[in-house]
mmCIF file of all heavy atoms, coordinates in Angstrom:
data_MODEL
# 
_entry.id   MODEL 
# 
loop_
_atom_site.group_PDB 
_atom_site.id 
_atom_site.type_symbol 
_atom_site.label_atom_id 
_atom_site.label_alt_id 
_atom_site.label_comp_id 
_atom_site.label_asym_id 
_atom_site.label_entity_id 
_atom_site.label_seq_id 
_atom_site.pdbx_PDB_ins_code 
_atom_site.Cartn_x 
_atom_site.Cartn_y 
_atom_site.Cartn_z 
_atom_site.occupancy 
_atom_site.B_iso_or_equiv 
_atom_site.pdbx_formal_charge 
_atom_site.auth_seq_id 
_atom_site.auth_comp_id 
_atom_site.auth_asym_id 
_atom_site.auth_atom_id 
_atom_site.pdbx_PDB_model_num 
ATOM 1   N N   . ALA A 1 1  ? 4.225  -2.526 -20.798 1.00 0.00 ? 1  ALA A N   1 
ATOM 2   C CA  . ALA A 1 1  ? 3.848  -2.188 -19.419 1.00 0.00 ? 1  ALA A CA  1 
ATOM 3   C C   . ALA A 1 1  ? 5.070  -1.719 -18.631 1.00 0.00 ? 1  ALA A C   1 
ATOM 4   O O   . ALA A 1 1  ? 4.993  -0.739 -17.877 1.00 0.00 ? 1  ALA A O   1 
ATOM 5   C CB  . ALA A 1 1  ? 3.200  -3.385 -18.749 1.00 0.00 ? 1  ALA A CB  1 
ATOM 6   N N   . LEU A 1 2  ? 6.210  -2.383 -18.802 1.00 0.00 ? 2  LEU A N   1 
ATOM 7   C CA  . LEU A 1 2  ? 7.429  -1.961 -18.123 1.00 0.00 ? 2  LEU A CA  1 
ATOM 8   C C   . LEU A 1 2  ? 7.901  -0.600 -18.622 1.00 0.00 ? 2  LEU A C   1 
ATOM 9   O O   . LEU A 1 2  ? 8.416  0.208  -17.840 1.00 0.00 ? 2  LEU A O   1 
ATOM 10  C CB  . LEU A 1 2  ? 8.534  -3.003 -18.308 1.00 0.00 ? 2  LEU A CB  1 
ATOM 11  C CG  . LEU A 1 2  ? 8.357  -4.292 -17.514 1.00 0.00 ? 2  LEU A CG  1 
ATOM 12  C CD1 . LEU A 1 2  ? 9.399  -5.326 -17.930 1.00 0.00 ? 2  LEU A CD1 1 
ATOM 13  C CD2 . LEU A 1 2  ? 8.437  -4.017 -16.021 1.00 0.00 ? 2  LEU A CD2 1 
ATOM 14  N N   . LEU A 1 3  ? 7.725  -0.337 -19.908 1.00 0.00 ? 3  LEU A N   1 
ATOM 15  C CA  . LEU A 1 3  ? 8.065  0.973  -20.461 1.00 0.00 ? 3  LEU A CA  1 
ATOM 16  C C   . LEU A 1 3  ? 7.238  2.059  -19.773 1.00 0.00 ? 3  LEU A C   1 
ATOM 17  O O   . LEU A 1 3  ? 7.776  3.083  -19.332 1.00 0.00 ? 3  LEU A O   1 
ATOM 18  C CB  . LEU A 1 3  ? 7.824  0.972  -21.977 1.00 0.00 ? 3  LEU A CB  1 
ATOM 19  C CG  . LEU A 1 3  ? 8.329  2.186  -22.740 1.00 0.00 ? 3  LEU A CG  1 
ATOM 20  C CD1 . LEU A 1 3  ? 8.865  1.744  -24.089 1.00 0.00 ? 3  LEU A CD1 1 
ATOM 21  C CD2 . LEU A 1 3  ? 7.263  3.214  -22.944 1.00 0.00 ? 3  LEU A CD2 1 
ATOM 22  N N   . SER A 1 4  ? 5.949  1.844  -19.647 1.00 0.00 ? 4  SER A N   1 
ATOM 23  C CA  . SER A 1 4  ? 5.074  2.823  -18.986 1.00 0.00 ? 4  SER A CA  1 
ATOM 24  C C   . SER A 1 4  ? 5.447  2.999  -17.521 1.00 0.00 ? 4  SER A C   1 
ATOM 25  O O   . SER A 1 4  ? 5.502  4.120  -17.016 1.00 0.00 ? 4  SER A O   1 
ATOM 26  C CB  . SER A 1 4  ? 3.611  2.381  -19.084 1.00 0.00 ? 4  SER A CB  1 
ATOM 27  O OG  . SER A 1 4  ? 3.193  2.356  -20.410 1.00 0.00 ? 4  SER A OG  1 
ATOM 28  N N   . LEU A 1 5  ? 5.700  1.908  -16.852 1.00 0.00 ? 5  LEU A N   1 
ATOM 29  C CA  . LEU A 1 5  ? 6.058  1.957  -15.436 1.00 0.00 ? 5  LEU A CA  1 
ATOM 30  C C   . LEU A 1 5  ? 7.370  2.702  -15.231 1.00 0.00 ? 5  LEU A C   1 
ATOM 31  O O   . LEU A 1 5  ? 7.496  3.518  -14.305 1.00 0.00 ? 5  LEU A O   1 
ATOM 32  C CB  . LEU A 1 5  ? 6.145  0.534  -14.881 1.00 0.00 ? 5  LEU A CB  1 
ATOM 33  C CG  . LEU A 1 5  ? 6.436  0.371  -13.403 1.00 0.00 ? 5  LEU A CG  1 
ATOM 34  C CD1 . LEU A 1 5  ? 5.381  1.076  -12.554 1.00 0.00 ? 5  LEU A CD1 1 
ATOM 35  C CD2 . LEU A 1 5  ? 6.507  -1.096 -13.044 1.00 0.00 ? 5  LEU A CD2 1 
ATOM 36  N N   . SER A 1 6  ? 8.338  2.468  -16.087 1.00 0.00 ? 6  SER A N   1 
ATOM 37  C CA  . SER A 1 6  ? 9.624  3.163  -15.937 1.00 0.00 ? 6  SER A CA  1 
ATOM 38  C C   . SER A 1 6  ? 9.509  4.651  -16.294 1.00 0.00 ? 6  SER A C   1 
ATOM 39  O O   . SER A 1 6  ? 10.238 5.478  -15.742 1.00 0.00 ? 6  SER A O   1 
ATOM 40  C CB  . SER A 1 6  ? 10.719 2.470  -16.755 1.00 0.00 ? 6  SER A CB  1 
ATOM 41  O OG  . SER A 1 6  ? 10.416 2.456  -18.125 1.00 0.00 ? 6  SER A OG  1 
ATOM 42  N N   . MET A 1 7  ? 8.587  5.003  -17.177 1.00 0.00 ? 7  MET A N   1 
ATOM 43  C CA  . MET A 1 7  ? 8.345  6.428  -17.461 1.00 0.00 ? 7  MET A CA  1 
ATOM 44  C C   . MET A 1 7  ? 7.855  7.142  -16.203 1.00 0.00 ? 7  MET A C   1 
ATOM 45  O O   . MET A 1 7  ? 8.329  8.231  -15.865 1.00 0.00 ? 7  MET A O   1 
ATOM 46  C CB  . MET A 1 7  ? 7.296  6.591  -18.565 1.00 0.00 ? 7  MET A CB  1 
ATOM 47  C CG  . MET A 1 7  ? 7.800  6.374  -19.957 1.00 0.00 ? 7  MET A CG  1 
ATOM 48  S SD  . MET A 1 7  ? 6.495  6.425  -21.221 1.00 0.00 ? 7  MET A SD  1 
ATOM 49  C CE  . MET A 1 7  ? 5.766  8.015  -20.974 1.00 0.00 ? 7  MET A CE  1 
ATOM 50  N N   . VAL A 1 8  ? 6.929  6.528  -15.504 1.00 0.00 ? 8  VAL A N   1 
ATOM 51  C CA  . VAL A 1 8  ? 6.370  7.124  -14.297 1.00 0.00 ? 8  VAL A CA  1 
ATOM 52  C C   . VAL A 1 8  ? 7.410  7.174  -13.178 1.00 0.00 ? 8  VAL A C   1 
ATOM 53  O O   . VAL A 1 8  ? 7.488  8.145  -12.428 1.00 0.00 ? 8  VAL A O   1 
ATOM 54  C CB  . VAL A 1 8  ? 5.104  6.352  -13.852 1.00 0.00 ? 8  VAL A CB  1 
ATOM 55  C CG1 . VAL A 1 8  ? 4.564  6.887  -12.552 1.00 0.00 ? 8  VAL A CG1 1 
ATOM 56  C CG2 . VAL A 1 8  ? 4.044  6.428  -14.930 1.00 0.00 ? 8  VAL A CG2 1 
ATOM 57  N N   . THR A 1 9  ? 8.228  6.150  -13.098 1.00 0.00 ? 9  THR A N   1 
ATOM 58  C CA  . THR A 1 9  ? 9.291  6.128  -12.084 1.00 0.00 ? 9  THR A CA  1 
ATOM 59  C C   . THR A 1 9  ? 10.326 7.221  -12.364 1.00 0.00 ? 9  THR A C   1 
ATOM 60  O O   . THR A 1 9  ? 10.802 7.882  -11.431 1.00 0.00 ? 9  THR A O   1 
ATOM 61  C CB  . THR A 1 9  ? 9.955  4.741  -12.040 1.00 0.00 ? 9  THR A CB  1 
ATOM 62  O OG1 . THR A 1 9  ? 8.940  3.759  -11.823 1.00 0.00 ? 9  THR A OG1 1 
ATOM 63  C CG2 . THR A 1 9  ? 10.990 4.651  -10.948 1.00 0.00 ? 9  THR A CG2 1 
ATOM 64  N N   . ALA A 1 10 ? 10.659 7.428  -13.625 1.00 0.00 ? 10 ALA A N   1 
ATOM 65  C CA  . ALA A 1 10 ? 11.591 8.505  -13.982 1.00 0.00 ? 10 ALA A CA  1 
ATOM 66  C C   . ALA A 1 10 ? 10.985 9.867  -13.643 1.00 0.00 ? 10 ALA A C   1 
ATOM 67  O O   . ALA A 1 10 ? 11.689 10.775 -13.190 1.00 0.00 ? 10 ALA A O   1 
ATOM 68  C CB  . ALA A 1 10 ? 11.944 8.427  -15.468 1.00 0.00 ? 10 ALA A CB  1 
ATOM 69  N N   . ARG A 1 11 ? 9.697  10.019 -13.821 1.00 0.00 ? 11 ARG A N   1 
ATOM 70  C CA  . ARG A 1 11 ? 9.006  11.254 -13.449 1.00 0.00 ? 11 ARG A CA  1 
ATOM 71  C C   . ARG A 1 11 ? 9.139  11.510 -11.955 1.00 0.00 ? 11 ARG A C   1 
ATOM 72  O O   . ARG A 1 11 ? 9.379  12.622 -11.503 1.00 0.00 ? 11 ARG A O   1 
ATOM 73  C CB  . ARG A 1 11 ? 7.540  11.174 -13.843 1.00 0.00 ? 11 ARG A CB  1 
ATOM 74  C CG  . ARG A 1 11 ? 6.692  12.321 -13.349 1.00 0.00 ? 11 ARG A CG  1 
ATOM 75  C CD  . ARG A 1 11 ? 5.252  11.820 -13.121 1.00 0.00 ? 11 ARG A CD  1 
ATOM 76  N NE  . ARG A 1 11 ? 4.500  12.711 -12.292 1.00 0.00 ? 11 ARG A NE  1 
ATOM 77  C CZ  . ARG A 1 11 ? 4.344  12.561 -10.978 1.00 0.00 ? 11 ARG A CZ  1 
ATOM 78  N NH1 . ARG A 1 11 ? 4.899  11.557 -10.355 1.00 0.00 ? 11 ARG A NH1 1 
ATOM 79  N NH2 . ARG A 1 11 ? 3.632  13.425 -10.297 1.00 0.00 ? 11 ARG A NH2 1 
ATOM 80  N N   . ALA A 1 12 ? 9.000  10.453 -11.149 1.00 0.00 ? 12 ALA A N   1 
ATOM 81  C CA  . ALA A 1 12 ? 9.157  10.592 -9.700  1.00 0.00 ? 12 ALA A CA  1 
ATOM 82  C C   . ALA A 1 12 ? 10.575 11.045 -9.360  1.00 0.00 ? 12 ALA A C   1 
ATOM 83  O O   . ALA A 1 12 ? 10.767 11.891 -8.478  1.00 0.00 ? 12 ALA A O   1 
ATOM 84  C CB  . ALA A 1 12 ? 8.833  9.266  -9.009  1.00 0.00 ? 12 ALA A CB  1 
ATOM 85  N N   . ALA A 1 13 ? 11.566 10.516 -10.066 1.00 0.00 ? 13 ALA A N   1 
ATOM 86  C CA  . ALA A 1 13 ? 12.949 10.928 -9.846  1.00 0.00 ? 13 ALA A CA  1 
ATOM 87  C C   . ALA A 1 13 ? 13.148 12.404 -10.205 1.00 0.00 ? 13 ALA A C   1 
ATOM 88  O O   . ALA A 1 13 ? 13.868 13.131 -9.507  1.00 0.00 ? 13 ALA A O   1 
ATOM 89  C CB  . ALA A 1 13 ? 13.894 10.045 -10.659 1.00 0.00 ? 13 ALA A CB  1 
ATOM 90  N N   . VAL A 1 14 ? 12.514 12.855 -11.276 1.00 0.00 ? 14 VAL A N   1 
ATOM 91  C CA  . VAL A 1 14 ? 12.608 14.268 -11.661 1.00 0.00 ? 14 VAL A CA  1 
ATOM 92  C C   . VAL A 1 14 ? 11.991 15.148 -10.576 1.00 0.00 ? 14 VAL A C   1 
ATOM 93  O O   . VAL A 1 14 ? 12.557 16.179 -10.188 1.00 0.00 ? 14 VAL A O   1 
ATOM 94  C CB  . VAL A 1 14 ? 11.931 14.521 -13.035 1.00 0.00 ? 14 VAL A CB  1 
ATOM 95  C CG1 . VAL A 1 14 ? 11.751 16.004 -13.309 1.00 0.00 ? 14 VAL A CG1 1 
ATOM 96  C CG2 . VAL A 1 14 ? 12.738 13.868 -14.144 1.00 0.00 ? 14 VAL A CG2 1 
ATOM 97  N N   . LEU A 1 15 ? 10.825 14.764 -10.065 1.00 0.00 ? 15 LEU A N   1 
ATOM 98  C CA  . LEU A 1 15 ? 10.191 15.549 -9.000  1.00 0.00 ? 15 LEU A CA  1 
ATOM 99  C C   . LEU A 1 15 ? 11.076 15.602 -7.758  1.00 0.00 ? 15 LEU A C   1 
ATOM 100 O O   . LEU A 1 15 ? 11.209 16.668 -7.136  1.00 0.00 ? 15 LEU A O   1 
ATOM 101 C CB  . LEU A 1 15 ? 8.820  14.977 -8.651  1.00 0.00 ? 15 LEU A CB  1 
ATOM 102 C CG  . LEU A 1 15 ? 7.703  15.244 -9.652  1.00 0.00 ? 15 LEU A CG  1 
ATOM 103 C CD1 . LEU A 1 15 ? 6.425  14.531 -9.212  1.00 0.00 ? 15 LEU A CD1 1 
ATOM 104 C CD2 . LEU A 1 15 ? 7.455  16.721 -9.819  1.00 0.00 ? 15 LEU A CD2 1 
ATOM 105 N N   . LEU A 1 16 ? 11.673 14.486 -7.388  1.00 0.00 ? 16 LEU A N   1 
ATOM 106 C CA  . LEU A 1 16 ? 12.578 14.477 -6.236  1.00 0.00 ? 16 LEU A CA  1 
ATOM 107 C C   . LEU A 1 16 ? 13.788 15.373 -6.461  1.00 0.00 ? 16 LEU A C   1 
ATOM 108 O O   . LEU A 1 16 ? 14.211 16.094 -5.554  1.00 0.00 ? 16 LEU A O   1 
ATOM 109 C CB  . LEU A 1 16 ? 13.036 13.049 -5.931  1.00 0.00 ? 16 LEU A CB  1 
ATOM 110 C CG  . LEU A 1 16 ? 12.035 12.170 -5.207  1.00 0.00 ? 16 LEU A CG  1 
ATOM 111 C CD1 . LEU A 1 16 ? 12.532 10.730 -5.153  1.00 0.00 ? 16 LEU A CD1 1 
ATOM 112 C CD2 . LEU A 1 16 ? 11.772 12.704 -3.808  1.00 0.00 ? 16 LEU A CD2 1 
ATOM 113 N N   . SER A 1 17 ? 14.337 15.349 -7.667  1.00 0.00 ? 17 SER A N   1 
ATOM 114 C CA  . SER A 1 17 ? 15.491 16.205 -7.948  1.00 0.00 ? 17 SER A CA  1 
ATOM 115 C C   . SER A 1 17 ? 15.108 17.681 -7.940  1.00 0.00 ? 17 SER A C   1 
ATOM 116 O O   . SER A 1 17 ? 15.870 18.518 -7.459  1.00 0.00 ? 17 SER A O   1 
ATOM 117 C CB  . SER A 1 17 ? 16.143 15.823 -9.284  1.00 0.00 ? 17 SER A CB  1 
ATOM 118 O OG  . SER A 1 17 ? 15.348 16.228 -10.374 1.00 0.00 ? 17 SER A OG  1 
ATOM 119 N N   . ARG A 1 18 ? 13.915 18.009 -8.432  1.00 0.00 ? 18 ARG A N   1 
ATOM 120 C CA  . ARG A 1 18 ? 13.439 19.400 -8.380  1.00 0.00 ? 18 ARG A CA  1 
ATOM 121 C C   . ARG A 1 18 ? 13.244 19.847 -6.930  1.00 0.00 ? 18 ARG A C   1 
ATOM 122 O O   . ARG A 1 18 ? 13.601 20.950 -6.548  1.00 0.00 ? 18 ARG A O   1 
ATOM 123 C CB  . ARG A 1 18 ? 12.123 19.558 -9.140  1.00 0.00 ? 18 ARG A CB  1 
ATOM 124 C CG  . ARG A 1 18 ? 12.169 19.222 -10.610 1.00 0.00 ? 18 ARG A CG  1 
ATOM 125 C CD  . ARG A 1 18 ? 12.853 20.319 -11.410 1.00 0.00 ? 18 ARG A CD  1 
ATOM 126 N NE  . ARG A 1 18 ? 12.579 20.178 -12.817 1.00 0.00 ? 18 ARG A NE  1 
ATOM 127 C CZ  . ARG A 1 18 ? 13.358 19.543 -13.689 1.00 0.00 ? 18 ARG A CZ  1 
ATOM 128 N NH1 . ARG A 1 18 ? 14.471 18.988 -13.285 1.00 0.00 ? 18 ARG A NH1 1 
ATOM 129 N NH2 . ARG A 1 18 ? 13.039 19.484 -14.962 1.00 0.00 ? 18 ARG A NH2 1 
ATOM 130 N N   . LEU A 1 19 ? 12.683 18.972 -6.117  1.00 0.00 ? 19 LEU A N   1 
ATOM 131 C CA  . LEU A 1 19 ? 12.463 19.260 -4.706  1.00 0.00 ? 19 LEU A CA  1 
ATOM 132 C C   . LEU A 1 19 ? 13.787 19.522 -3.996  1.00 0.00 ? 19 LEU A C   1 
ATOM 133 O O   . LEU A 1 19 ? 13.939 20.525 -3.287  1.00 0.00 ? 19 LEU A O   1 
ATOM 134 C CB  . LEU A 1 19 ? 11.726 18.086 -4.047  1.00 0.00 ? 19 LEU A CB  1 
ATOM 135 C CG  . LEU A 1 19 ? 11.419 18.190 -2.559  1.00 0.00 ? 19 LEU A CG  1 
ATOM 136 C CD1 . LEU A 1 19 ? 10.389 19.281 -2.313  1.00 0.00 ? 19 LEU A CD1 1 
ATOM 137 C CD2 . LEU A 1 19 ? 10.919 16.853 -2.035  1.00 0.00 ? 19 LEU A CD2 1 
ATOM 138 N N   . ARG A 1 20 ? 14.750 18.675 -4.216  1.00 0.00 ? 20 ARG A N   1 
ATOM 139 C CA  . ARG A 1 20 ? 16.065 18.841 -3.581  1.00 0.00 ? 20 ARG A CA  1 
ATOM 140 C C   . ARG A 1 20 ? 16.783 20.080 -4.082  1.00 0.00 ? 20 ARG A C   1 
ATOM 141 O O   . ARG A 1 20 ? 17.454 20.766 -3.308  1.00 0.00 ? 20 ARG A O   1 
ATOM 142 C CB  . ARG A 1 20 ? 16.909 17.601 -3.812  1.00 0.00 ? 20 ARG A CB  1 
ATOM 143 C CG  . ARG A 1 20 ? 16.421 16.434 -3.011  1.00 0.00 ? 20 ARG A CG  1 
ATOM 144 C CD  . ARG A 1 20 ? 17.335 15.240 -3.087  1.00 0.00 ? 20 ARG A CD  1 
ATOM 145 N NE  . ARG A 1 20 ? 16.746 14.149 -2.327  1.00 0.00 ? 20 ARG A NE  1 
ATOM 146 C CZ  . ARG A 1 20 ? 16.746 12.895 -2.704  1.00 0.00 ? 20 ARG A CZ  1 
ATOM 147 N NH1 . ARG A 1 20 ? 17.305 12.550 -3.838  1.00 0.00 ? 20 ARG A NH1 1 
ATOM 148 N NH2 . ARG A 1 20 ? 16.187 11.973 -1.955  1.00 0.00 ? 20 ARG A NH2 1 
ATOM 149 N N   . ALA A 1 21 ? 16.653 20.372 -5.362  1.00 0.00 ? 21 ALA A N   1 
ATOM 150 C CA  . ALA A 1 21 ? 17.322 21.550 -5.921  1.00 0.00 ? 21 ALA A CA  1 
ATOM 151 C C   . ALA A 1 21 ? 16.786 22.838 -5.299  1.00 0.00 ? 21 ALA A C   1 
ATOM 152 O O   . ALA A 1 21 ? 17.557 23.737 -4.953  1.00 0.00 ? 21 ALA A O   1 
ATOM 153 C CB  . ALA A 1 21 ? 17.157 21.583 -7.441  1.00 0.00 ? 21 ALA A CB  1 
ATOM 154 N N   . VAL A 1 22 ? 15.485 22.927 -5.150  1.00 0.00 ? 22 VAL A N   1 
ATOM 155 C CA  . VAL A 1 22 ? 14.897 24.141 -4.556  1.00 0.00 ? 22 VAL A CA  1 
ATOM 156 C C   . VAL A 1 22 ? 15.258 24.226 -3.077  1.00 0.00 ? 22 VAL A C   1 
ATOM 157 O O   . VAL A 1 22 ? 15.582 25.304 -2.571  1.00 0.00 ? 22 VAL A O   1 
ATOM 158 C CB  . VAL A 1 22 ? 13.369 24.182 -4.777  1.00 0.00 ? 22 VAL A CB  1 
ATOM 159 C CG1 . VAL A 1 22 ? 12.731 25.318 -3.997  1.00 0.00 ? 22 VAL A CG1 1 
ATOM 160 C CG2 . VAL A 1 22 ? 13.053 24.325 -6.256  1.00 0.00 ? 22 VAL A CG2 1 
ATOM 161 N N   . ARG A 1 23 ? 15.237 23.109 -2.369  1.00 0.00 ? 23 ARG A N   1 
ATOM 162 C CA  . ARG A 1 23 ? 15.623 23.111 -0.948  1.00 0.00 ? 23 ARG A CA  1 
ATOM 163 C C   . ARG A 1 23 ? 17.080 23.534 -0.786  1.00 0.00 ? 23 ARG A C   1 
ATOM 164 O O   . ARG A 1 23 ? 17.414 24.320 0.087   1.00 0.00 ? 23 ARG A O   1 
ATOM 165 C CB  . ARG A 1 23 ? 15.422 21.728 -0.335  1.00 0.00 ? 23 ARG A CB  1 
ATOM 166 C CG  . ARG A 1 23 ? 14.025 21.440 0.037   1.00 0.00 ? 23 ARG A CG  1 
ATOM 167 C CD  . ARG A 1 23 ? 13.932 20.120 0.770   1.00 0.00 ? 23 ARG A CD  1 
ATOM 168 N NE  . ARG A 1 23 ? 12.546 19.817 1.089   1.00 0.00 ? 23 ARG A NE  1 
ATOM 169 C CZ  . ARG A 1 23 ? 12.103 18.616 1.354   1.00 0.00 ? 23 ARG A CZ  1 
ATOM 170 N NH1 . ARG A 1 23 ? 12.942 17.580 1.347   1.00 0.00 ? 23 ARG A NH1 1 
ATOM 171 N NH2 . ARG A 1 23 ? 10.823 18.418 1.644   1.00 0.00 ? 23 ARG A NH2 1 
ATOM 172 N N   . THR A 1 24 ? 17.960 23.016 -1.629  1.00 0.00 ? 24 THR A N   1 
ATOM 173 C CA  . THR A 1 24 ? 19.377 23.348 -1.574  1.00 0.00 ? 24 THR A CA  1 
ATOM 174 C C   . THR A 1 24 ? 19.596 24.828 -1.890  1.00 0.00 ? 24 THR A C   1 
ATOM 175 O O   . THR A 1 24 ? 20.382 25.496 -1.234  1.00 0.00 ? 24 THR A O   1 
ATOM 176 C CB  . THR A 1 24 ? 20.185 22.470 -2.545  1.00 0.00 ? 24 THR A CB  1 
ATOM 177 O OG1 . THR A 1 24 ? 19.944 21.102 -2.227  1.00 0.00 ? 24 THR A OG1 1 
ATOM 178 C CG2 . THR A 1 24 ? 21.655 22.763 -2.465  1.00 0.00 ? 24 THR A CG2 1 
ATOM 179 N N   . ALA A 1 25 ? 18.898 25.333 -2.881  1.00 0.00 ? 25 ALA A N   1 
ATOM 180 C CA  . ALA A 1 25 ? 19.030 26.743 -3.238  1.00 0.00 ? 25 ALA A CA  1 
ATOM 181 C C   . ALA A 1 25 ? 18.574 27.648 -2.101  1.00 0.00 ? 25 ALA A C   1 
ATOM 182 O O   . ALA A 1 25 ? 19.153 28.699 -1.865  1.00 0.00 ? 25 ALA A O   1 
ATOM 183 C CB  . ALA A 1 25 ? 18.244 27.044 -4.509  1.00 0.00 ? 25 ALA A CB  1 
ATOM 184 N N   . THR A 1 26 ? 17.572 27.237 -1.367  1.00 0.00 ? 26 THR A N   1 
ATOM 185 C CA  . THR A 1 26 ? 17.062 28.007 -0.249  1.00 0.00 ? 26 THR A CA  1 
ATOM 186 C C   . THR A 1 26 ? 18.051 27.996 0.911   1.00 0.00 ? 26 THR A C   1 
ATOM 187 O O   . THR A 1 26 ? 18.268 29.005 1.570   1.00 0.00 ? 26 THR A O   1 
ATOM 188 C CB  . THR A 1 26 ? 15.694 27.453 0.217   1.00 0.00 ? 26 THR A CB  1 
ATOM 189 O OG1 . THR A 1 26 ? 14.827 27.420 -0.907  1.00 0.00 ? 26 THR A OG1 1 
ATOM 190 C CG2 . THR A 1 26 ? 15.093 28.288 1.315   1.00 0.00 ? 26 THR A CG2 1 
# 
């Protein structure tokens, strides 16, 4: 269960980094 939860949390971190990268590039 912790493995699954940490997978989803890492996905959220990836989305945040993608969001910041596009904002910074703009």
